[in-house]
Amino acid sequence: MPDTLAQWHAEHVNFAKLLNVLEAELDLFHKGDSPNYELMLDVMFYMTHYPDVLHHPREDLAFAKIKEREKSAGALVDELSAEHAQMRKTGEALLRGLSDIVNGSISSRGRVETPGRVYVANFRSHMRTEETKILPMAAKLLRNHDWSEIEAAIQPIDDPVFGKVAEKRYAAIHSQIARQAEAAKTAPR
């Protein structure tokens, strides 16, 4: 159980890094620069193919078990599950918009910027709620057999960005995260 919660927290930290990359690219619009659409597309490809396929479905199973044991958590659990579905829908729409641009379609900045900012804000808020409310509840309410059932229900996949072997497709993401980390170290406080 603690390993699963630690893993979920670590994944949230990694997702936050990717949201920072996405947000930094969106900020370029306001500086009069062009964002790196390929980098943004890679971020959104990952977000729609790892968190939406593995991380969130596992959380939904844990949420259901929490709801069974703590009736007062029902509304929060239902809200977070609905947010998973909405984030998936928003993420897929943003992925399509970025893919269109990368593949040569002429598109308005608003087709990417507005949904991108909504996606980033909603994902961050969602993770904050999970970290402060759901993870502590899961640690208190769920037992080893619950975690075993959750892990058995969803076929694991290695994280293609932060896992043991990062996929080559994501090399630009790794470079950008390293640049942001270095800039954060040298930034005045």
N, C-alpha and C. Protein backbone atom coordinates (compact mmCIF):
# COMPACT_ATOMS: atom_id res chain seq x y z
N MET A 1 0.81 -1.20 0.00
CA MET A 1 0.00 0.00 0.00
C MET A 1 0.85 1.26 0.00
N PRO A 2 1.78 1.45 0.93
CA PRO A 2 2.55 2.69 0.92
C PRO A 2 3.31 2.89 -0.40
N ASP A 3 3.78 1.79 -1.01
CA ASP A 3 4.48 1.91 -2.28
C ASP A 3 3.56 2.47 -3.36
N THR A 4 2.32 2.03 -3.38
CA THR A 4 1.38 2.52 -4.38
C THR A 4 1.10 4.01 -4.17
N LEU A 5 0.88 4.40 -2.94
CA LEU A 5 0.64 5.82 -2.67
C LEU A 5 1.87 6.67 -2.99
N ALA A 6 3.04 6.15 -2.66
CA ALA A 6 4.28 6.87 -2.99
C ALA A 6 4.44 6.98 -4.50
N GLN A 7 4.09 5.91 -5.21
CA GLN A 7 4.17 5.93 -6.67
C GLN A 7 3.20 6.96 -7.24
N TRP A 8 1.97 6.99 -6.72
CA TRP A 8 0.99 7.95 -7.21
C TRP A 8 1.46 9.38 -6.96
N HIS A 9 2.04 9.61 -5.78
CA HIS A 9 2.55 10.95 -5.49
C HIS A 9 3.69 11.29 -6.45
N ALA A 10 4.61 10.35 -6.67
CA ALA A 10 5.72 10.59 -7.60
C ALA A 10 5.20 10.87 -9.01
N GLU A 11 4.17 10.16 -9.42
CA GLU A 11 3.58 10.43 -10.74
C GLU A 11 2.98 11.82 -10.78
N HIS A 12 2.35 12.26 -9.71
CA HIS A 12 1.81 13.62 -9.66
C HIS A 12 2.94 14.65 -9.81
N VAL A 13 4.05 14.41 -9.16
CA VAL A 13 5.21 15.31 -9.29
C VAL A 13 5.66 15.35 -10.75
N ASN A 14 5.73 14.20 -11.38
CA ASN A 14 6.14 14.14 -12.79
C ASN A 14 5.12 14.83 -13.70
N PHE A 15 3.85 14.62 -13.44
CA PHE A 15 2.81 15.28 -14.25
C PHE A 15 2.93 16.79 -14.10
N ALA A 16 3.24 17.26 -12.90
CA ALA A 16 3.40 18.70 -12.67
C ALA A 16 4.55 19.25 -13.51
N LYS A 17 5.63 18.49 -13.65
CA LYS A 17 6.74 18.93 -14.49
C LYS A 17 6.29 19.11 -15.93
N LEU A 18 5.47 18.17 -16.40
CA LEU A 18 4.99 18.26 -17.78
C LEU A 18 4.01 19.42 -17.95
N LEU A 19 3.20 19.66 -16.94
CA LEU A 19 2.29 20.82 -16.99
C LEU A 19 3.10 22.12 -17.02
N ASN A 20 4.23 22.16 -16.31
CA ASN A 20 5.11 23.33 -16.35
C ASN A 20 5.68 23.54 -17.76
N VAL A 21 6.07 22.45 -18.41
CA VAL A 21 6.57 22.55 -19.79
C VAL A 21 5.47 23.09 -20.70
N LEU A 22 4.30 22.54 -20.59
CA LEU A 22 3.17 22.98 -21.42
C LEU A 22 2.85 24.44 -21.16
N GLU A 23 2.80 24.82 -19.90
CA GLU A 23 2.48 26.20 -19.55
C GLU A 23 3.54 27.18 -20.06
N ALA A 24 4.81 26.80 -19.96
CA ALA A 24 5.89 27.66 -20.45
C ALA A 24 5.74 27.90 -21.96
N GLU A 25 5.34 26.86 -22.68
CA GLU A 25 5.13 27.02 -24.12
C GLU A 25 3.93 27.92 -24.39
N LEU A 26 2.87 27.78 -23.62
CA LEU A 26 1.69 28.64 -23.78
C LEU A 26 2.04 30.09 -23.48
N ASP A 27 2.92 30.31 -22.51
CA ASP A 27 3.33 31.67 -22.15
C ASP A 27 4.06 32.38 -23.28
N LEU A 28 4.65 31.63 -24.18
CA LEU A 28 5.37 32.24 -25.31
C LEU A 28 4.44 33.06 -26.20
N PHE A 29 3.17 32.69 -26.26
CA PHE A 29 2.20 33.46 -27.05
C PHE A 29 2.21 34.93 -26.61
N HIS A 30 2.27 35.16 -25.31
CA HIS A 30 2.18 36.52 -24.77
C HIS A 30 3.48 37.30 -24.86
N LYS A 31 4.55 36.59 -25.18
CA LYS A 31 5.84 37.25 -25.40
C LYS A 31 6.04 37.56 -26.88
N GLY A 32 5.06 37.18 -27.68
CA GLY A 32 5.16 37.39 -29.12
C GLY A 32 5.99 36.33 -29.82
N ASP A 33 6.32 35.26 -29.11
CA ASP A 33 7.09 34.17 -29.69
C ASP A 33 6.17 33.03 -30.09
N SER A 34 6.71 32.13 -30.86
CA SER A 34 5.96 30.93 -31.24
C SER A 34 6.36 29.79 -30.33
N PRO A 35 5.37 29.06 -29.82
CA PRO A 35 5.71 27.91 -28.98
C PRO A 35 6.23 26.76 -29.83
N ASN A 36 6.83 25.82 -29.15
CA ASN A 36 7.30 24.60 -29.80
C ASN A 36 6.12 23.63 -29.82
N TYR A 37 5.40 23.64 -30.93
CA TYR A 37 4.20 22.82 -31.04
C TYR A 37 4.50 21.33 -30.95
N GLU A 38 5.65 20.92 -31.48
CA GLU A 38 6.02 19.51 -31.41
C GLU A 38 6.22 19.08 -29.95
N LEU A 39 6.87 19.94 -29.16
CA LEU A 39 7.07 19.65 -27.74
C LEU A 39 5.72 19.57 -27.02
N MET A 40 4.85 20.51 -27.32
CA MET A 40 3.52 20.51 -26.71
C MET A 40 2.75 19.25 -27.10
N LEU A 41 2.88 18.85 -28.36
CA LEU A 41 2.21 17.64 -28.84
C LEU A 41 2.74 16.42 -28.10
N ASP A 42 4.06 16.35 -27.89
CA ASP A 42 4.63 15.22 -27.14
C ASP A 42 4.10 15.18 -25.71
N VAL A 43 4.01 16.34 -25.07
CA VAL A 43 3.48 16.40 -23.71
C VAL A 43 2.05 15.86 -23.69
N MET A 44 1.24 16.33 -24.62
CA MET A 44 -0.17 15.92 -24.62
C MET A 44 -0.34 14.47 -25.08
N PHE A 45 0.54 13.99 -25.94
CA PHE A 45 0.48 12.58 -26.32
C PHE A 45 0.72 11.73 -25.08
N TYR A 46 1.74 12.09 -24.31
CA TYR A 46 2.02 11.37 -23.07
C TYR A 46 0.83 11.47 -22.11
N MET A 47 0.31 12.67 -21.91
CA MET A 47 -0.76 12.87 -20.92
C MET A 47 -2.01 12.07 -21.30
N THR A 48 -2.25 11.88 -22.56
CA THR A 48 -3.44 11.12 -22.98
C THR A 48 -3.15 9.63 -23.14
N HIS A 49 -1.88 9.24 -23.05
CA HIS A 49 -1.53 7.83 -23.21
C HIS A 49 -0.90 7.19 -21.98
N TYR A 50 -0.66 7.97 -20.94
CA TYR A 50 -0.18 7.36 -19.69
C TYR A 50 -1.13 7.69 -18.54
N PRO A 51 -1.25 8.94 -18.12
CA PRO A 51 -2.19 9.20 -17.01
C PRO A 51 -3.62 8.75 -17.32
N ASP A 52 -4.09 9.04 -18.52
CA ASP A 52 -5.47 8.72 -18.86
C ASP A 52 -5.70 7.22 -19.03
N VAL A 53 -4.66 6.46 -19.34
CA VAL A 53 -4.81 5.03 -19.61
C VAL A 53 -4.46 4.16 -18.39
N LEU A 54 -3.55 4.62 -17.56
CA LEU A 54 -3.11 3.81 -16.43
C LEU A 54 -3.36 4.48 -15.08
N HIS A 55 -2.85 5.67 -14.91
CA HIS A 55 -2.90 6.34 -13.61
C HIS A 55 -4.34 6.62 -13.15
N HIS A 56 -5.11 7.27 -13.98
CA HIS A 56 -6.48 7.63 -13.59
C HIS A 56 -7.39 6.42 -13.42
N PRO A 57 -7.35 5.41 -14.28
CA PRO A 57 -8.18 4.23 -14.03
C PRO A 57 -7.84 3.52 -12.71
N ARG A 58 -6.56 3.47 -12.36
CA ARG A 58 -6.20 2.89 -11.05
C ARG A 58 -6.77 3.74 -9.92
N GLU A 59 -6.67 5.04 -10.06
CA GLU A 59 -7.23 5.92 -9.04
C GLU A 59 -8.74 5.72 -8.93
N ASP A 60 -9.41 5.59 -10.06
CA ASP A 60 -10.87 5.39 -10.02
C ASP A 60 -11.24 4.13 -9.24
N LEU A 61 -10.45 3.08 -9.39
CA LEU A 61 -10.70 1.85 -8.62
C LEU A 61 -10.51 2.11 -7.12
N ALA A 62 -9.48 2.85 -6.78
CA ALA A 62 -9.25 3.19 -5.36
C ALA A 62 -10.38 4.09 -4.85
N PHE A 63 -10.81 5.03 -5.68
CA PHE A 63 -11.91 5.92 -5.29
C PHE A 63 -13.15 5.11 -4.93
N ALA A 64 -13.46 4.11 -5.76
CA ALA A 64 -14.65 3.29 -5.52
C ALA A 64 -14.56 2.58 -4.17
N LYS A 65 -13.38 2.09 -3.84
CA LYS A 65 -13.20 1.41 -2.55
C LYS A 65 -13.30 2.40 -1.39
N ILE A 66 -12.77 3.59 -1.59
CA ILE A 66 -12.89 4.63 -0.56
C ILE A 66 -14.36 4.96 -0.33
N LYS A 67 -15.08 5.12 -1.41
CA LYS A 67 -16.51 5.46 -1.33
C LYS A 67 -17.30 4.37 -0.59
N GLU A 68 -16.92 3.11 -0.81
CA GLU A 68 -17.59 2.00 -0.10
C GLU A 68 -17.39 2.11 1.41
N ARG A 69 -16.21 2.54 1.81
CA ARG A 69 -15.86 2.53 3.23
C ARG A 69 -16.14 3.84 3.95
N GLU A 70 -16.19 4.90 3.18
CA GLU A 70 -16.41 6.23 3.79
C GLU A 70 -17.49 6.95 2.99
N LYS A 71 -18.73 6.75 3.42
CA LYS A 71 -19.88 7.29 2.67
C LYS A 71 -19.79 8.81 2.49
N SER A 72 -19.21 9.50 3.47
CA SER A 72 -19.12 10.97 3.37
C SER A 72 -18.18 11.41 2.24
N ALA A 73 -17.36 10.49 1.73
CA ALA A 73 -16.43 10.82 0.65
C ALA A 73 -17.08 10.69 -0.72
N GLY A 74 -18.31 10.22 -0.76
CA GLY A 74 -18.98 9.93 -2.02
C GLY A 74 -19.00 11.09 -3.00
N ALA A 75 -19.39 12.27 -2.55
CA ALA A 75 -19.48 13.42 -3.46
C ALA A 75 -18.11 13.80 -4.02
N LEU A 76 -17.10 13.79 -3.17
CA LEU A 76 -15.75 14.12 -3.61
C LEU A 76 -15.24 13.08 -4.61
N VAL A 77 -15.43 11.82 -4.31
CA VAL A 77 -15.00 10.74 -5.20
C VAL A 77 -15.70 10.86 -6.55
N ASP A 78 -16.99 11.11 -6.53
CA ASP A 78 -17.74 11.25 -7.79
C ASP A 78 -17.23 12.44 -8.59
N GLU A 79 -16.93 13.53 -7.91
CA GLU A 79 -16.41 14.73 -8.58
C GLU A 79 -15.04 14.44 -9.21
N LEU A 80 -14.16 13.79 -8.48
CA LEU A 80 -12.83 13.49 -9.02
C LEU A 80 -12.90 12.51 -10.18
N SER A 81 -13.77 11.53 -10.11
CA SER A 81 -13.95 10.60 -11.23
C SER A 81 -14.46 11.33 -12.47
N ALA A 82 -15.41 12.24 -12.26
CA ALA A 82 -15.93 13.04 -13.37
C ALA A 82 -14.82 13.92 -13.96
N GLU A 83 -13.95 14.44 -13.10
CA GLU A 83 -12.83 15.24 -13.57
C GLU A 83 -11.87 14.40 -14.42
N HIS A 84 -11.66 13.15 -14.05
CA HIS A 84 -10.82 12.27 -14.87
C HIS A 84 -11.39 12.20 -16.29
N ALA A 85 -12.69 11.98 -16.39
CA ALA A 85 -13.32 11.87 -17.70
C ALA A 85 -13.22 13.19 -18.46
N GLN A 86 -13.43 14.31 -17.77
CA GLN A 86 -13.36 15.61 -18.42
C GLN A 86 -11.94 15.95 -18.86
N MET A 87 -10.95 15.62 -18.02
CA MET A 87 -9.56 15.89 -18.39
C MET A 87 -9.16 15.07 -19.61
N ARG A 88 -9.67 13.85 -19.67
CA ARG A 88 -9.37 13.01 -20.83
C ARG A 88 -9.95 13.64 -22.10
N LYS A 89 -11.18 14.09 -22.01
CA LYS A 89 -11.84 14.71 -23.16
C LYS A 89 -11.12 16.00 -23.58
N THR A 90 -10.79 16.84 -22.62
CA THR A 90 -10.08 18.09 -22.90
C THR A 90 -8.69 17.81 -23.45
N GLY A 91 -8.00 16.83 -22.86
CA GLY A 91 -6.66 16.47 -23.32
C GLY A 91 -6.67 15.96 -24.75
N GLU A 92 -7.64 15.12 -25.07
CA GLU A 92 -7.72 14.58 -26.43
C GLU A 92 -8.02 15.69 -27.45
N ALA A 93 -8.87 16.66 -27.07
CA ALA A 93 -9.17 17.77 -27.97
C ALA A 93 -7.92 18.63 -28.19
N LEU A 94 -7.18 18.88 -27.12
CA LEU A 94 -5.94 19.64 -27.25
C LEU A 94 -4.92 18.87 -28.08
N LEU A 95 -4.82 17.57 -27.87
CA LEU A 95 -3.93 16.73 -28.66
C LEU A 95 -4.27 16.83 -30.15
N ARG A 96 -5.56 16.77 -30.48
CA ARG A 96 -5.98 16.87 -31.89
C ARG A 96 -5.61 18.23 -32.46
N GLY A 97 -5.85 19.30 -31.70
CA GLY A 97 -5.51 20.64 -32.17
C GLY A 97 -4.03 20.79 -32.43
N LEU A 98 -3.21 20.30 -31.51
CA LEU A 98 -1.76 20.38 -31.69
C LEU A 98 -1.30 19.51 -32.86
N SER A 99 -1.87 18.34 -32.99
CA SER A 99 -1.53 17.45 -34.09
C SER A 99 -1.84 18.11 -35.43
N ASP A 100 -2.99 18.75 -35.50
CA ASP A 100 -3.36 19.46 -36.74
C ASP A 100 -2.32 20.52 -37.09
N ILE A 101 -1.91 21.30 -36.08
CA ILE A 101 -0.93 22.37 -36.33
C ILE A 101 0.40 21.76 -36.78
N VAL A 102 0.88 20.76 -36.07
CA VAL A 102 2.15 20.13 -36.41
C VAL A 102 2.10 19.53 -37.81
N ASN A 103 0.93 19.06 -38.21
CA ASN A 103 0.78 18.45 -39.53
C ASN A 103 0.40 19.45 -40.61
N GLY A 104 0.51 20.75 -40.32
CA GLY A 104 0.37 21.76 -41.36
C GLY A 104 -0.95 22.49 -41.44
N SER A 105 -1.91 22.18 -40.60
CA SER A 105 -3.18 22.91 -40.66
C SER A 105 -2.99 24.32 -40.11
N ILE A 106 -3.65 25.24 -40.72
CA ILE A 106 -3.65 26.61 -40.21
C ILE A 106 -4.75 26.68 -39.17
N SER A 107 -4.38 27.14 -37.99
CA SER A 107 -5.32 27.14 -36.89
C SER A 107 -5.11 28.40 -36.06
N SER A 108 -6.14 28.79 -35.35
CA SER A 108 -6.02 29.98 -34.50
C SER A 108 -5.30 29.63 -33.21
N ARG A 109 -4.63 30.61 -32.68
CA ARG A 109 -3.92 30.45 -31.41
C ARG A 109 -4.89 30.04 -30.30
N GLY A 110 -6.11 30.57 -30.34
CA GLY A 110 -7.11 30.26 -29.32
C GLY A 110 -7.50 28.80 -29.28
N ARG A 111 -7.34 28.10 -30.39
CA ARG A 111 -7.68 26.67 -30.42
C ARG A 111 -6.71 25.85 -29.56
N VAL A 112 -5.55 26.43 -29.28
CA VAL A 112 -4.56 25.75 -28.46
C VAL A 112 -4.42 26.43 -27.10
N GLU A 113 -4.32 27.76 -27.11
CA GLU A 113 -4.01 28.46 -25.86
C GLU A 113 -5.11 28.31 -24.81
N THR A 114 -6.32 28.60 -25.15
CA THR A 114 -7.41 28.53 -24.16
C THR A 114 -7.60 27.12 -23.63
N PRO A 115 -7.76 26.11 -24.49
CA PRO A 115 -7.89 24.76 -23.94
C PRO A 115 -6.65 24.31 -23.17
N GLY A 116 -5.47 24.74 -23.62
CA GLY A 116 -4.24 24.38 -22.92
C GLY A 116 -4.21 24.95 -21.51
N ARG A 117 -4.59 26.19 -21.36
CA ARG A 117 -4.59 26.82 -20.03
C ARG A 117 -5.66 26.19 -19.12
N VAL A 118 -6.81 25.89 -19.69
CA VAL A 118 -7.86 25.23 -18.91
C VAL A 118 -7.36 23.85 -18.46
N TYR A 119 -6.74 23.13 -19.36
CA TYR A 119 -6.24 21.79 -19.05
C TYR A 119 -5.22 21.87 -17.91
N VAL A 120 -4.26 22.77 -18.01
CA VAL A 120 -3.22 22.90 -16.99
C VAL A 120 -3.84 23.25 -15.64
N ALA A 121 -4.71 24.25 -15.62
CA ALA A 121 -5.33 24.68 -14.36
C ALA A 121 -6.16 23.57 -13.74
N ASN A 122 -6.96 22.90 -14.54
CA ASN A 122 -7.82 21.83 -14.01
C ASN A 122 -7.00 20.64 -13.52
N PHE A 123 -5.97 20.29 -14.25
CA PHE A 123 -5.14 19.14 -13.84
C PHE A 123 -4.43 19.45 -12.53
N ARG A 124 -3.90 20.66 -12.40
CA ARG A 124 -3.21 21.04 -11.15
C ARG A 124 -4.18 21.03 -9.97
N SER A 125 -5.35 21.60 -10.16
CA SER A 125 -6.35 21.63 -9.10
C SER A 125 -6.75 20.21 -8.69
N HIS A 126 -6.93 19.37 -9.68
CA HIS A 126 -7.31 17.98 -9.45
C HIS A 126 -6.24 17.26 -8.62
N MET A 127 -4.99 17.42 -9.00
CA MET A 127 -3.91 16.75 -8.26
C MET A 127 -3.82 17.29 -6.83
N ARG A 128 -4.03 18.58 -6.66
CA ARG A 128 -3.98 19.18 -5.32
C ARG A 128 -5.05 18.54 -4.42
N THR A 129 -6.25 18.36 -4.95
CA THR A 129 -7.33 17.72 -4.18
C THR A 129 -6.98 16.28 -3.85
N GLU A 130 -6.45 15.56 -4.82
CA GLU A 130 -6.06 14.17 -4.55
C GLU A 130 -4.98 14.11 -3.48
N GLU A 131 -3.98 14.97 -3.59
CA GLU A 131 -2.87 14.95 -2.64
C GLU A 131 -3.32 15.29 -1.22
N THR A 132 -4.21 16.26 -1.10
CA THR A 132 -4.59 16.73 0.24
C THR A 132 -5.76 15.97 0.85
N LYS A 133 -6.62 15.39 0.03
CA LYS A 133 -7.82 14.74 0.56
C LYS A 133 -7.88 13.24 0.31
N ILE A 134 -7.63 12.83 -0.93
CA ILE A 134 -7.84 11.42 -1.29
C ILE A 134 -6.69 10.52 -0.86
N LEU A 135 -5.45 10.92 -1.11
CA LEU A 135 -4.33 10.06 -0.73
C LEU A 135 -4.30 9.79 0.78
N PRO A 136 -4.52 10.80 1.63
CA PRO A 136 -4.58 10.50 3.07
C PRO A 136 -5.74 9.56 3.42
N MET A 137 -6.87 9.73 2.75
CA MET A 137 -8.01 8.86 2.99
C MET A 137 -7.71 7.43 2.55
N ALA A 138 -7.06 7.31 1.41
CA ALA A 138 -6.69 5.98 0.90
C ALA A 138 -5.72 5.29 1.86
N ALA A 139 -4.78 6.04 2.39
CA ALA A 139 -3.81 5.46 3.34
C ALA A 139 -4.52 4.94 4.59
N LYS A 140 -5.56 5.61 4.98
CA LYS A 140 -6.29 5.24 6.19
C LYS A 140 -7.28 4.09 5.94
N LEU A 141 -7.94 4.09 4.80
CA LEU A 141 -9.07 3.19 4.58
C LEU A 141 -8.75 1.90 3.80
N LEU A 142 -7.78 1.96 2.91
CA LEU A 142 -7.53 0.82 2.04
C LEU A 142 -6.47 -0.11 2.63
N ARG A 143 -6.69 -1.39 2.42
CA ARG A 143 -5.82 -2.44 2.97
C ARG A 143 -4.99 -3.08 1.86
N ASN A 144 -4.05 -3.90 2.24
CA ASN A 144 -3.17 -4.54 1.26
C ASN A 144 -3.95 -5.31 0.20
N HIS A 145 -5.01 -6.03 0.60
CA HIS A 145 -5.78 -6.77 -0.41
C HIS A 145 -6.49 -5.83 -1.38
N ASP A 146 -6.88 -4.64 -0.93
CA ASP A 146 -7.48 -3.65 -1.84
C ASP A 146 -6.47 -3.23 -2.91
N TRP A 147 -5.26 -2.93 -2.44
CA TRP A 147 -4.22 -2.50 -3.38
C TRP A 147 -3.87 -3.61 -4.35
N SER A 148 -3.85 -4.84 -3.87
CA SER A 148 -3.56 -5.98 -4.75
C SER A 148 -4.63 -6.11 -5.82
N GLU A 149 -5.89 -5.94 -5.44
CA GLU A 149 -6.99 -6.00 -6.41
C GLU A 149 -6.87 -4.88 -7.45
N ILE A 150 -6.54 -3.70 -6.99
CA ILE A 150 -6.40 -2.56 -7.91
C ILE A 150 -5.27 -2.81 -8.90
N GLU A 151 -4.14 -3.24 -8.39
CA GLU A 151 -2.99 -3.49 -9.26
C GLU A 151 -3.28 -4.62 -10.25
N ALA A 152 -4.01 -5.65 -9.82
CA ALA A 152 -4.32 -6.78 -10.69
C ALA A 152 -5.33 -6.41 -11.78
N ALA A 153 -6.16 -5.41 -11.51
CA ALA A 153 -7.23 -5.04 -12.45
C ALA A 153 -6.73 -4.27 -13.67
N ILE A 154 -5.60 -3.62 -13.55
CA ILE A 154 -5.11 -2.78 -14.63
C ILE A 154 -3.72 -3.26 -15.03
N GLN A 155 -3.57 -3.60 -16.28
CA GLN A 155 -2.28 -4.07 -16.79
C GLN A 155 -1.26 -2.93 -16.70
N PRO A 156 -0.17 -3.14 -15.96
CA PRO A 156 0.81 -2.06 -15.83
C PRO A 156 1.60 -1.85 -17.12
N ILE A 157 2.00 -0.61 -17.33
CA ILE A 157 2.92 -0.27 -18.42
C ILE A 157 4.01 0.61 -17.82
N ASP A 158 5.20 0.50 -18.36
CA ASP A 158 6.29 1.34 -17.87
C ASP A 158 6.04 2.77 -18.34
N ASP A 159 6.29 3.72 -17.47
CA ASP A 159 6.12 5.13 -17.81
C ASP A 159 7.08 5.47 -18.95
N PRO A 160 6.55 5.90 -20.10
CA PRO A 160 7.40 6.13 -21.27
C PRO A 160 8.28 7.38 -21.19
N VAL A 161 8.03 8.24 -20.21
CA VAL A 161 8.87 9.43 -20.03
C VAL A 161 9.76 9.29 -18.80
N PHE A 162 9.18 8.88 -17.68
CA PHE A 162 9.90 8.86 -16.41
C PHE A 162 10.24 7.44 -15.94
N GLY A 163 9.97 6.45 -16.76
CA GLY A 163 10.21 5.06 -16.39
C GLY A 163 11.66 4.66 -16.55
N LYS A 164 11.89 3.37 -16.43
CA LYS A 164 13.26 2.83 -16.50
C LYS A 164 13.92 3.15 -17.84
N VAL A 165 13.16 3.03 -18.92
CA VAL A 165 13.69 3.32 -20.26
C VAL A 165 12.75 4.32 -20.93
N ALA A 166 13.21 5.55 -21.03
CA ALA A 166 12.39 6.58 -21.67
C ALA A 166 12.37 6.37 -23.17
N GLU A 167 11.20 6.54 -23.75
CA GLU A 167 11.07 6.40 -25.20
C GLU A 167 11.75 7.58 -25.89
N LYS A 168 12.39 7.31 -27.03
CA LYS A 168 13.11 8.35 -27.77
C LYS A 168 12.20 9.51 -28.16
N ARG A 169 10.94 9.20 -28.38
CA ARG A 169 9.98 10.22 -28.78
C ARG A 169 9.98 11.39 -27.79
N TYR A 170 10.30 11.10 -26.54
CA TYR A 170 10.19 12.10 -25.48
C TYR A 170 11.52 12.77 -25.12
N ALA A 171 12.52 12.66 -25.96
CA ALA A 171 13.83 13.26 -25.67
C ALA A 171 13.72 14.77 -25.49
N ALA A 172 12.91 15.43 -26.30
CA ALA A 172 12.75 16.89 -26.19
C ALA A 172 12.13 17.27 -24.85
N ILE A 173 11.23 16.44 -24.34
CA ILE A 173 10.63 16.71 -23.04
C ILE A 173 11.71 16.64 -21.95
N HIS A 174 12.53 15.63 -22.00
CA HIS A 174 13.61 15.49 -21.00
C HIS A 174 14.54 16.69 -21.04
N SER A 175 14.90 17.13 -22.24
CA SER A 175 15.77 18.29 -22.37
C SER A 175 15.12 19.55 -21.79
N GLN A 176 13.86 19.74 -22.08
CA GLN A 176 13.16 20.93 -21.59
C GLN A 176 13.02 20.90 -20.06
N ILE A 177 12.70 19.76 -19.50
CA ILE A 177 12.59 19.64 -18.04
C ILE A 177 13.95 19.95 -17.40
N ALA A 178 15.03 19.46 -17.99
CA ALA A 178 16.37 19.74 -17.46
C ALA A 178 16.68 21.23 -17.54
N ARG A 179 16.32 21.88 -18.65
CA ARG A 179 16.55 23.32 -18.79
C ARG A 179 15.75 24.10 -17.74
N GLN A 180 14.50 23.71 -17.53
CA GLN A 180 13.68 24.40 -16.54
C GLN A 180 14.23 24.20 -15.13
N ALA A 181 14.71 23.00 -14.83
CA ALA A 181 15.28 22.73 -13.51
C ALA A 181 16.54 23.57 -13.31
N GLU A 182 17.37 23.66 -14.33
CA GLU A 182 18.60 24.46 -14.22
C GLU A 182 18.27 25.94 -14.06
N ALA A 183 17.29 26.43 -14.82
CA ALA A 183 16.88 27.82 -14.69
C ALA A 183 16.34 28.12 -13.32
N ALA A 184 15.61 27.17 -12.74
CA ALA A 184 15.04 27.35 -11.39
C ALA A 184 16.16 27.44 -10.36
N LYS A 185 17.25 26.69 -10.56
CA LYS A 185 18.38 26.71 -9.62
C LYS A 185 19.10 28.05 -9.65
N THR A 186 19.19 28.65 -10.84
CA THR A 186 19.95 29.89 -10.99
C THR A 186 19.10 31.14 -10.87
N ALA A 187 17.79 30.98 -10.77
CA ALA A 187 16.89 32.14 -10.67
C ALA A 187 17.06 32.82 -9.32
N PRO A 188 17.03 34.16 -9.30
CA PRO A 188 17.11 34.87 -8.02
C PRO A 188 15.89 34.56 -7.17
N ARG A 189 16.11 34.49 -5.88
CA ARG A 189 15.00 34.17 -4.98
C ARG A 189 14.58 35.35 -4.19
